[in-house]
Protein backbone atom coordinates (compact mmCIF):
# COMPACT_ATOMS: atom_id res chain seq x y z
CA MET A 1 63.14 33.09 -7.44
CA SER A 2 62.46 35.53 -10.30
CA GLU A 3 65.80 37.31 -9.73
CA THR A 4 67.60 33.99 -9.99
CA ASN A 5 65.72 32.88 -13.09
CA THR A 6 66.16 36.09 -15.02
CA PRO A 7 69.83 35.60 -15.89
CA ALA A 8 69.10 32.17 -17.16
CA ALA A 9 66.52 33.56 -19.44
CA ASP A 10 69.02 36.17 -20.57
CA VAL A 11 71.57 33.49 -21.30
CA SER A 12 69.11 31.43 -23.23
CA ALA A 13 67.83 34.43 -25.21
CA PRO A 14 70.58 34.60 -27.82
CA SER A 15 69.87 31.08 -28.76
CA THR A 16 66.48 32.26 -30.02
CA PRO A 17 66.91 33.25 -33.54
CA THR A 18 64.08 35.88 -33.78
CA PRO A 19 62.35 37.48 -30.97
CA SER A 20 58.70 37.54 -31.17
CA PRO A 21 56.55 40.37 -30.00
CA ARG A 22 55.52 38.36 -27.09
CA THR A 23 59.09 37.89 -26.19
CA GLY A 24 59.66 41.68 -26.29
CA GLY A 25 56.85 42.19 -23.87
CA ALA A 26 58.34 39.68 -21.54
CA THR A 27 61.65 41.39 -21.76
CA LEU A 28 60.06 44.70 -20.82
CA SER A 29 58.29 43.16 -17.95
CA GLN A 30 61.48 41.57 -16.85
CA ALA A 31 63.20 44.91 -17.05
CA VAL A 32 60.49 46.39 -14.99
CA VAL A 33 60.78 43.56 -12.58
CA ALA A 34 64.50 44.00 -12.50
CA VAL A 35 64.13 47.71 -11.84
CA VAL A 36 61.56 46.99 -9.19
CA GLY A 37 63.81 44.36 -7.74
CA LEU A 38 66.73 46.80 -7.80
CA ILE A 39 64.56 49.38 -6.16
CA ALA A 40 63.48 46.80 -3.68
CA LEU A 41 67.08 45.89 -3.01
CA LEU A 42 67.91 49.52 -2.60
CA ALA A 43 64.91 49.90 -0.36
CA LEU A 44 65.99 46.88 1.61
CA GLY A 45 69.48 48.26 1.84
CA LEU A 46 68.19 51.57 2.90
CA ALA A 47 65.81 49.91 5.31
CA TRP A 48 68.63 47.80 6.71
CA GLN A 49 70.87 50.80 6.92
CA SER A 50 68.07 52.76 8.55
CA GLN A 51 67.48 49.85 10.86
CA GLN A 52 71.14 49.81 11.75
CA ARG A 53 71.13 53.54 12.33
CA LEU A 54 67.98 53.21 14.33
CA LYS A 55 69.55 50.50 16.38
CA GLN A 56 72.63 52.62 16.88
CA ALA A 57 70.42 55.54 17.77
CA GLU A 58 68.47 53.37 20.15
CA GLN A 59 71.66 52.07 21.63
CA GLU A 60 72.98 55.64 21.91
CA LEU A 61 69.68 56.66 23.45
CA VAL A 62 69.81 53.72 25.85
CA ARG A 63 73.42 54.55 26.66
CA ARG A 64 72.59 58.19 27.15
CA GLN A 65 69.51 57.26 29.13
CA ASP A 66 71.58 54.99 31.29
CA SER A 67 74.15 57.77 31.65
CA SER A 68 71.42 60.28 32.40
CA GLN A 69 69.88 57.89 34.87
CA SER A 70 73.23 57.39 36.51
CA ASP A 71 73.75 61.12 36.55
CA ALA A 72 70.26 61.57 37.92
CA ASN A 73 70.94 58.98 40.62
CA ILE A 74 74.21 60.69 41.44
CA ALA A 75 72.44 64.05 41.44
CA ARG A 76 69.68 62.59 43.58
CA ASP A 77 72.26 61.19 45.99
CA GLN A 78 74.09 64.48 46.02
CA SER A 79 70.80 66.32 46.47
CA ARG A 80 69.89 64.03 49.33
CA GLN A 81 73.33 64.55 50.85
CA ALA A 82 72.98 68.27 50.33
CA GLN A 83 69.57 68.17 51.96
CA GLU A 84 70.95 66.14 54.87
CA LEU A 85 73.90 68.54 55.09
CA ALA A 86 71.50 71.47 54.95
CA ARG A 87 69.40 69.88 57.68
CA ASP A 88 72.50 69.23 59.76
CA THR A 89 73.68 72.77 59.10
CA ALA A 90 70.29 74.15 59.95
CA ALA A 91 70.27 72.09 63.16
CA LYS A 92 73.77 73.30 63.98
CA VAL A 93 72.79 76.88 63.20
CA ALA A 94 69.74 76.52 65.35
CA LEU A 95 71.89 75.08 68.13
CA LEU A 96 74.38 77.91 67.71
CA ASP A 97 71.56 80.42 67.74
CA ALA A 98 70.24 78.89 70.90
CA LYS A 99 73.69 78.95 72.47
CA LEU A 100 74.24 82.49 71.28
CA ALA A 101 70.90 83.52 72.70
CA GLU A 102 71.82 81.77 75.95
CA VAL A 103 75.22 83.47 76.00
CA ALA A 104 73.57 86.84 75.26
CA LEU A 105 71.08 86.22 78.05
CA GLN A 106 73.89 85.25 80.44
CA ARG A 107 75.87 88.30 79.38
CA GLU A 108 72.86 90.53 79.92
CA GLN A 109 72.25 88.94 83.31
CA LEU A 110 75.93 89.33 84.20
CA GLU A 111 75.93 92.97 83.11
CA THR A 112 72.75 93.53 85.10
CA LEU A 113 74.33 91.83 88.10
CA ILE A 114 77.52 93.89 87.75
CA GLN A 115 75.53 97.09 87.40
CA SER A 116 73.41 96.08 90.35
CA MET A 117 76.49 95.32 92.42
CA THR A 118 78.14 98.55 91.34
CA ARG A 119 75.01 100.57 92.01
CA SER A 120 74.49 98.73 95.30
CA ARG A 121 78.10 99.50 96.25
CA ASP A 122 77.71 103.13 95.26
CA GLU A 123 74.46 103.32 97.21
CA ASN A 124 76.18 101.76 100.23
CA VAL A 125 79.01 104.26 100.02
CA VAL A 126 76.57 107.16 99.57
CA GLY A 127 74.40 105.92 102.42
CA ASP A 128 77.35 105.46 104.77
CA ILE A 129 78.74 108.91 104.03
CA GLU A 130 75.37 110.57 104.44
CA ALA A 131 74.67 108.71 107.71
CA SER A 132 78.09 109.63 109.13
CA LEU A 133 77.60 113.29 108.17
CA ARG A 134 74.19 113.47 109.81
CA VAL A 135 75.56 111.90 113.01
CA ALA A 136 78.45 114.35 112.92
CA MET A 137 75.99 117.23 112.46
CA GLN A 138 74.08 116.10 115.55
CA GLN A 139 77.29 115.84 117.53
CA SER A 140 78.35 119.33 116.41
CA ALA A 141 74.96 120.73 117.35
CA ILE A 142 75.26 119.17 120.83
CA THR A 143 78.91 120.01 121.52
CA GLY A 144 79.17 123.18 119.44
CA SER A 145 82.47 121.96 118.04
CA ALA A 146 83.28 121.53 114.35
CA GLU A 147 85.60 118.60 115.00
CA PRO A 148 82.94 115.88 114.45
CA LEU A 149 82.04 117.38 111.05
CA VAL A 150 85.69 117.89 110.08
CA SER A 151 86.49 114.29 111.04
CA ALA A 152 83.47 112.91 109.12
CA LEU A 153 84.32 114.93 106.01
CA ARG A 154 87.94 113.78 106.11
CA GLN A 155 86.88 110.15 106.40
CA ALA A 156 84.47 110.63 103.47
CA ASP A 157 87.22 112.19 101.36
CA ASP A 158 89.63 109.33 102.14
CA ARG A 159 86.97 106.74 101.33
CA LEU A 160 86.03 108.35 98.04
CA ALA A 161 89.71 108.63 97.10
CA ARG A 162 90.20 104.88 97.70
CA TYR A 163 86.94 104.00 95.94
CA HIS A 164 87.92 105.92 92.77
CA GLN A 165 84.48 105.91 91.14
CA PRO A 166 84.03 108.58 88.43
CA ARG A 167 80.35 108.74 89.29
CA LEU A 168 81.21 110.04 92.76
CA GLU A 169 83.82 112.64 91.76
CA GLY A 170 81.25 115.40 92.17
CA VAL A 171 80.57 114.23 95.73
CA ARG A 172 84.29 114.31 96.51
CA ARG A 173 84.65 117.90 95.21
CA ALA A 174 81.66 118.93 97.34
CA VAL A 175 83.30 117.26 100.39
CA VAL A 176 86.52 119.23 99.82
CA ARG A 177 84.57 122.51 99.53
CA ASP A 178 82.61 121.88 102.72
CA LEU A 179 85.76 120.84 104.55
CA ASP A 180 87.56 124.07 103.60
CA ARG A 181 84.52 126.13 104.54
CA ILE A 182 84.09 124.53 107.96
CA LYS A 183 87.80 124.77 108.74
CA ALA A 184 87.70 128.48 108.02
CA VAL A 185 85.06 129.10 110.72
CA SER A 186 86.33 129.86 114.22
CA VAL A 187 84.08 127.95 116.63
CA VAL A 188 83.99 128.03 120.42
CA ASP A 189 86.27 125.50 122.08
CA VAL A 190 84.06 124.67 125.05
CA SER A 191 86.54 122.27 126.60
CA THR A 192 89.24 125.00 126.82
CA LEU A 193 86.73 127.46 128.32
CA THR A 194 85.60 124.96 130.95
CA ILE A 195 89.23 124.30 131.88
CA LYS A 196 89.76 128.02 132.39
CA LEU A 197 86.62 128.27 134.51
CA ASP A 198 87.83 125.35 136.62
CA GLU A 199 91.10 127.16 137.14
CA VAL A 200 89.27 130.30 138.21
CA ALA A 201 87.13 128.29 140.62
CA ARG A 202 90.25 126.71 142.17
CA GLN A 203 91.79 130.16 142.75
CA VAL A 204 88.74 131.63 144.47
CA ASP A 205 89.76 130.36 147.94
CA ASP A 206 93.20 132.02 147.60
CA LEU A 207 91.97 135.46 146.52
CA PRO A 208 92.25 138.20 149.20
CA LEU A 209 89.08 140.01 150.23
CA LEU A 210 88.88 143.75 150.88
CA ALA A 211 87.72 143.05 154.44
CA VAL A 212 90.94 141.21 155.31
CA SER A 213 93.43 142.87 152.90
CA GLN A 214 96.97 143.42 154.13
CA PRO A 215 99.47 146.13 153.27
CA GLY A 216 102.43 145.46 150.99
CA LEU A 217 100.60 143.41 148.39
CA ASP A 218 102.15 142.56 145.02
CA THR A 219 100.28 145.07 142.91
CA PRO A 220 99.35 148.62 143.85
CA ARG A 221 95.68 149.42 143.78
CA ALA A 222 96.04 152.33 141.36
CA PRO A 223 98.83 154.40 139.90
CA ALA A 224 97.55 157.53 141.65
CA THR A 225 97.46 155.72 145.01
CA ALA A 226 100.95 154.47 144.42
CA GLY A 227 102.18 157.98 143.72
CA ARG A 228 100.58 159.32 146.88
CA GLY A 229 102.07 156.52 148.94
CA ALA A 230 105.51 157.03 147.46
CA ARG A 231 105.77 160.65 148.54
CA PRO A 232 105.38 160.03 152.30
CA ALA A 233 107.80 157.16 152.03
CA ALA A 234 110.32 159.41 150.39
CA ALA A 235 109.68 162.04 153.02
CA ALA A 236 110.03 159.51 155.82
CA ALA A 237 113.29 158.17 154.52
CA PRO A 238 116.30 159.74 156.33
CA ALA A 239 118.61 161.93 154.37
CA PRO A 240 121.93 160.32 153.71
CA SER A 241 124.65 161.66 156.07
CA ALA A 242 127.77 163.34 154.78
CA PRO A 243 130.84 161.15 154.52
CA LEU A 244 133.10 161.23 157.55
CA ASP A 245 136.48 162.95 157.22
CA PRO A 246 139.27 160.35 157.70
CA ASN A 247 141.24 162.89 159.78
CA ALA A 248 138.33 163.54 162.18
CA GLY A 249 138.77 162.83 165.84
CA TRP A 250 137.25 160.07 167.89
CA TRP A 251 134.51 162.37 169.15
CA GLU A 252 133.34 163.17 165.67
CA ARG A 253 133.37 159.50 164.74
CA VAL A 254 131.21 158.63 167.81
CA TRP A 255 128.84 161.44 167.00
CA HIS A 256 128.55 160.34 163.41
CA GLY A 257 127.83 156.72 164.39
CA ALA A 258 125.20 157.81 166.91
CA GLY A 259 123.53 159.89 164.22
CA ASP A 260 123.33 156.95 161.85
CA LYS A 261 121.83 154.77 164.57
CA TRP A 262 119.30 157.44 165.36
CA ASP A 263 118.29 157.82 161.70
CA GLN A 264 117.79 154.05 161.33
CA LEU A 265 115.77 153.85 164.54
CA SER A 266 113.53 156.74 163.53
CA SER A 267 112.96 155.17 160.10
CA ASP A 268 111.91 151.85 161.69
CA VAL A 269 109.58 153.65 164.10
CA TRP A 270 108.00 155.57 161.22
CA ARG A 271 107.49 152.43 159.16
CA GLU A 272 105.72 150.74 162.07
CA ALA A 273 103.59 153.76 162.64
CA ARG A 274 102.54 153.77 159.02
CA GLY A 275 101.52 150.13 159.32
CA LEU A 276 99.17 150.97 162.21
CA LEU A 277 97.22 153.50 160.17
CA ARG A 278 96.25 153.25 156.47
CA VAL A 279 94.04 155.44 154.39
CA THR A 280 92.42 153.67 151.43
CA ARG A 281 89.52 154.36 149.13
CA ILE A 282 86.69 151.80 149.22
CA ASP A 283 84.05 152.12 146.49
CA HIS A 284 81.80 149.53 148.14
CA PRO A 285 81.71 149.94 151.94
CA GLU A 286 79.78 146.70 152.45
CA ALA A 287 82.84 144.81 151.19
CA ALA A 288 84.99 146.10 154.08
CA LEU A 289 82.26 145.49 156.68
CA MET A 290 81.75 141.83 155.80
CA ALA A 291 81.66 139.31 158.65
CA PRO A 292 83.85 136.16 158.49
CA GLU A 293 80.90 133.82 157.90
CA GLN A 294 79.75 136.09 155.06
CA MET A 295 83.18 135.78 153.51
CA PHE A 296 82.79 132.00 153.33
CA PHE A 297 79.36 132.28 151.69
CA LEU A 298 80.68 134.93 149.31
CA ARG A 299 83.38 132.57 148.03
CA GLU A 300 80.83 129.77 147.72
CA ASN A 301 78.40 131.95 145.84
CA LEU A 302 81.20 132.95 143.47
CA LYS A 303 82.01 129.28 142.90
CA LEU A 304 78.32 128.59 142.20
CA ARG A 305 78.27 131.36 139.63
CA LEU A 306 81.29 129.91 137.93
CA LEU A 307 79.73 126.44 138.05
CA ASN A 308 76.50 127.77 136.51
CA ALA A 309 78.51 129.43 133.76
CA ARG A 310 80.34 126.16 133.13
CA LEU A 311 77.09 124.23 132.87
CA ALA A 312 75.65 126.87 130.55
CA LEU A 313 78.70 126.58 128.28
CA LEU A 314 78.39 122.81 128.16
CA SER A 315 74.69 123.11 127.27
CA ARG A 316 75.44 125.73 124.61
CA GLN A 317 73.45 128.43 126.45
CA PHE A 318 75.88 131.25 125.84
CA ASP A 319 73.53 134.06 126.95
CA THR A 320 73.10 132.45 130.35
CA ALA A 321 76.83 131.85 130.56
CA GLN A 322 77.54 135.52 129.77
CA ASN A 323 75.18 136.64 132.55
CA ASP A 324 76.82 134.36 135.10
CA LEU A 325 80.29 135.46 134.00
CA ARG A 326 79.35 139.14 134.32
CA GLU A 327 77.98 138.49 137.82
CA ALA A 328 81.19 136.68 138.77
CA GLN A 329 83.29 139.51 137.32
CA GLY A 330 81.29 142.04 139.35
CA MET A 331 81.76 140.05 142.56
CA LEU A 332 85.53 139.94 141.99
CA GLU A 333 85.68 143.68 141.42
CA ARG A 334 83.37 144.52 144.34
CA TYR A 335 84.53 142.26 147.19
CA PHE A 336 88.12 141.32 146.43
CA ASP A 337 91.28 143.35 146.72
CA ASP A 338 92.32 144.43 143.23
CA ARG A 339 95.93 145.04 144.36
CA SER A 340 96.52 141.28 144.44
CA ARG A 341 98.43 139.71 141.53
CA LYS A 342 96.35 136.53 141.92
CA LEU A 343 93.19 138.54 141.45
CA ALA A 344 94.64 140.12 138.30
CA ILE A 345 95.44 136.68 136.84
CA THR A 346 91.99 135.35 137.78
CA THR A 347 90.24 138.39 136.30
CA GLU A 348 92.22 138.03 133.07
CA LEU A 349 91.17 134.36 132.77
CA LEU A 350 87.56 135.34 133.34
CA ARG A 351 87.75 138.05 130.69
CA GLN A 352 89.18 135.53 128.20
CA VAL A 353 86.26 133.20 128.87
CA GLN A 354 83.79 136.09 128.44
CA GLY A 355 85.36 137.12 125.15
CA GLN A 356 85.31 133.62 123.70
CA ALA A 357 81.94 132.43 124.97
CA ARG A 358 79.97 133.49 121.89
CA GLN A 359 77.36 131.66 119.90
CA VAL A 360 78.98 130.59 116.60
CA GLN A 361 76.91 128.54 114.18
CA VAL A 362 78.80 125.60 112.72
CA PRO A 363 78.27 125.54 108.92
CA ARG A 364 76.26 122.70 107.47
CA PRO A 365 77.78 120.49 104.73
CA ASP A 366 75.02 121.46 102.33
CA ASP A 367 77.12 120.95 99.18
CA THR A 368 77.98 117.40 100.15
CA LEU A 369 74.39 116.52 101.11
CA ALA A 370 73.09 117.94 97.81
CA ALA A 371 75.71 115.98 95.84
CA LEU A 372 74.82 112.77 97.70
CA SER A 373 71.11 113.31 97.00
CA ALA A 374 71.82 113.86 93.29
CA VAL A 375 73.87 110.63 93.08
CA ALA A 376 71.26 108.61 94.98
CA ARG A 377 68.51 109.48 92.46
């Protein structure tokens, strides 16, 4: 109201002819009022402007708050999703860890099973080879032949070659060494010796005894005897007659023919006379004075000696076999006619048996057994 009335007072002022002091004071107060009003207007303008700015600031703050809230909600959602994803991932990782642990356990069990199977197979192979070698050693000890050991070592070598396990290569090398060492040893072939003894026993009945020996045998008793017998024969042989002259007469031819007949007749008579009387050397007189029943028992005793020697060879008692063979050899030399070719053949067979009937120790496969023991540990 005062701001509206002030211009009217200013308009009506010029109509006043002379201002009074009171009027000057009013004018000053009005000026002050006007300044105050102007200041008030400025203050109102500033206040309104400040209010507008404040409103804008509030609106901006509200907008930013809404935006921040929206961002916070989005961030919260994303955080929740991230947490859910992390939980899912953690669950999946835990599941994968469990599966991995299960797979690792299965792999460990599988490796253990494979190792167990491999070790069990190796142990089976080692056990089979060792058992076969020990059985072969027992057979070799019983029979005295190296063939059971050689056969067992060859089978072991073939089996190890097919098995092809590096862990058992040392065993295979030991088998090869033992096989070569056993092959190099010359052992007694008992079966061959028993066959020869059987042949000697079969020939005993056909051997001539000194008590019933006959002249004209295949082999002379001794070279000296043969020489002494050859000289009388040469002396007894008629001298060859001179050739007859083709121009000789009939009387000479008759005389020459009669002489040839006489020489032949005298030679035959001399030969028969020599057969009636013989002079021989007998080292053992009891052999020539043996009765027929004693001859039968002599042959049977000789067969029993040979049978005892055969049994001793089969039982690996070589000392006993040598004693029986020496006794049999002595009986052949003492009671049988050594001019017989059959006796010479029989004696040679008996000497071969005596020379081969020796105790030979079959080598043990120690290298193979040691290698098997080392692998089995």
